[in-house]
C-alpha atoms as a PDB file:
ATOM      1  CA  MET A   1     -43.670   3.914 -29.055  1.00  0.00           C
ATOM      2  CA  LYS A   2     -46.066   4.126 -26.092  1.00  0.00           C
ATOM      3  CA  LYS A   3     -48.141   7.287 -26.269  1.00  0.00           C
ATOM      4  CA  THR A   4     -50.696   8.778 -23.880  1.00  0.00           C
ATOM      5  CA  PHE A   5     -53.682  10.761 -25.109  1.00  0.00           C
ATOM      6  CA  LYS A   6     -56.049  12.875 -23.029  1.00  0.00           C
ATOM      7  CA  ALA A   7     -59.677  12.339 -23.976  1.00  0.00           C
ATOM      8  CA  ASN A   8     -63.071  13.916 -23.325  1.00  0.00           C
ATOM      9  CA  ASN A   9     -66.241  12.152 -22.115  1.00  0.00           C
ATOM     10  CA  ILE A  10     -64.584   9.179 -20.402  1.00  0.00           C
ATOM     11  CA  SER A  11     -66.286   9.020 -17.012  1.00  0.00           C
ATOM     12  CA  CYS A  12     -66.313   5.484 -15.649  1.00  0.00           C
ATOM     13  CA  ILE A  13     -65.117   1.879 -15.920  1.00  0.00           C
ATOM     14  CA  ASN A  14     -67.852   1.164 -18.479  1.00  0.00           C
ATOM     15  CA  CYS A  15     -66.345   3.817 -20.789  1.00  0.00           C
ATOM     16  CA  ALA A  16     -62.895   2.271 -20.293  1.00  0.00           C
ATOM     17  CA  ASN A  17     -64.259  -1.213 -21.038  1.00  0.00           C
ATOM     18  CA  LEU A  18     -66.002   0.021 -24.192  1.00  0.00           C
ATOM     19  CA  ILE A  19     -62.765   1.598 -25.469  1.00  0.00           C
ATOM     20  CA  LYS A  20     -60.754  -1.527 -24.697  1.00  0.00           C
ATOM     21  CA  GLY A  21     -63.346  -3.933 -26.083  1.00  0.00           C
ATOM     22  CA  SER A  22     -63.805  -1.934 -29.278  1.00  0.00           C
ATOM     23  CA  LEU A  23     -60.207  -1.014 -30.056  1.00  0.00           C
ATOM     24  CA  GLU A  24     -57.792  -3.588 -28.576  1.00  0.00           C
ATOM     25  CA  ASP A  25     -58.195  -5.957 -31.547  1.00  0.00           C
ATOM     26  CA  ASP A  26     -56.904  -3.207 -33.864  1.00  0.00           C
ATOM     27  CA  PHE A  27     -54.449  -1.385 -31.591  1.00  0.00           C
ATOM     28  CA  GLY A  28     -53.233  -3.930 -29.018  1.00  0.00           C
ATOM     29  CA  GLU A  29     -53.248  -3.425 -25.244  1.00  0.00           C
ATOM     30  CA  ILE A  30     -54.899  -0.168 -24.140  1.00  0.00           C
ATOM     31  CA  GLU A  31     -54.642   1.337 -20.648  1.00  0.00           C
ATOM     32  CA  VAL A  32     -57.240   3.850 -19.454  1.00  0.00           C
ATOM     33  CA  ASN A  33     -56.346   6.009 -16.449  1.00  0.00           C
ATOM     34  CA  LEU A  34     -59.612   6.964 -14.746  1.00  0.00           C
ATOM     35  CA  ASP A  35     -57.763   8.827 -11.953  1.00  0.00           C
ATOM     36  CA  ALA A  36     -56.385  11.522 -14.289  1.00  0.00           C
ATOM     37  CA  SER A  37     -58.326  14.603 -15.236  1.00  0.00           C
ATOM     38  CA  PRO A  38     -58.929  14.689 -18.134  1.00  0.00           C
ATOM     39  CA  LYS A  39     -58.831  10.896 -18.468  1.00  0.00           C
ATOM     40  CA  GLU A  40     -55.821   9.350 -20.203  1.00  0.00           C
ATOM     41  CA  VAL A  41     -55.607   6.529 -22.737  1.00  0.00           C
ATOM     42  CA  THR A  42     -52.194   4.898 -23.279  1.00  0.00           C
ATOM     43  CA  LEU A  43     -51.240   2.492 -26.059  1.00  0.00           C
ATOM     44  CA  GLU A  44     -48.469   1.565 -28.481  1.00  0.00           C
ATOM     45  CA  ILE A  45     -48.490   3.922 -31.519  1.00  0.00           C
ATOM     46  CA  PRO A  46     -45.919   2.875 -34.154  1.00  0.00           C
ATOM     47  CA  ASN A  47     -46.563   5.681 -36.667  1.00  0.00           C
ATOM     48  CA  GLU A  48     -48.674   8.736 -37.543  1.00  0.00           C
ATOM     49  CA  GLU A  49     -51.057   6.709 -39.713  1.00  0.00           C
ATOM     50  CA  ILE A  50     -51.979   4.471 -36.763  1.00  0.00           C
ATOM     51  CA  GLU A  51     -52.283   7.543 -34.512  1.00  0.00           C
ATOM     52  CA  ALA A  52     -54.730   9.169 -36.932  1.00  0.00           C
ATOM     53  CA  LYS A  53     -56.761   5.963 -37.135  1.00  0.00           C
ATOM     54  CA  PHE A  54     -56.847   5.678 -33.343  1.00  0.00           C
ATOM     55  CA  LYS A  55     -58.074   9.279 -32.947  1.00  0.00           C
ATOM     56  CA  TYR A  56     -60.759   8.672 -35.589  1.00  0.00           C
ATOM     57  CA  GLU A  57     -61.928   5.466 -33.887  1.00  0.00           C
ATOM     58  CA  MET A  58     -62.024   7.187 -30.472  1.00  0.00           C
ATOM     59  CA  LYS A  59     -64.131  10.018 -31.898  1.00  0.00           C
ATOM     60  CA  ASP A  60     -66.433   7.459 -33.554  1.00  0.00           C
ATOM     61  CA  LEU A  61     -67.018   5.933 -30.071  1.00  0.00           C
ATOM     62  CA  GLY A  62     -67.844   9.386 -28.684  1.00  0.00           C
ATOM     63  CA  TYR A  63     -64.520  10.078 -26.913  1.00  0.00           C
ATOM     64  CA  SER A  64     -62.664  12.876 -28.661  1.00  0.00           C
ATOM     65  CA  VAL A  65     -58.897  13.091 -28.144  1.00  0.00           C
ATOM     66  CA  ILE A  66     -57.770  16.471 -26.796  1.00  0.00           C
ATOM     67  CA  GLU A  67     -55.118  17.950 -29.066  1.00  0.00           C
ATOM     68  CA  ASP A  68     -52.232  19.716 -27.359  1.00  0.00           C
END
């Protein structure tokens, strides 16, 4: 299921490229919406285990996912 996460600290195309370059091998295609505020990251999340791993990896890169 495609899921969109809001994230802190994403400010430019370089941030988006870092996220994509670091995580697309593990999570598949990732879209980063730089026009949204806060910025949005969209990808295919098949289950809660993958979602938890994605959030951990994002935080490890310095971009914490905003919990609703």
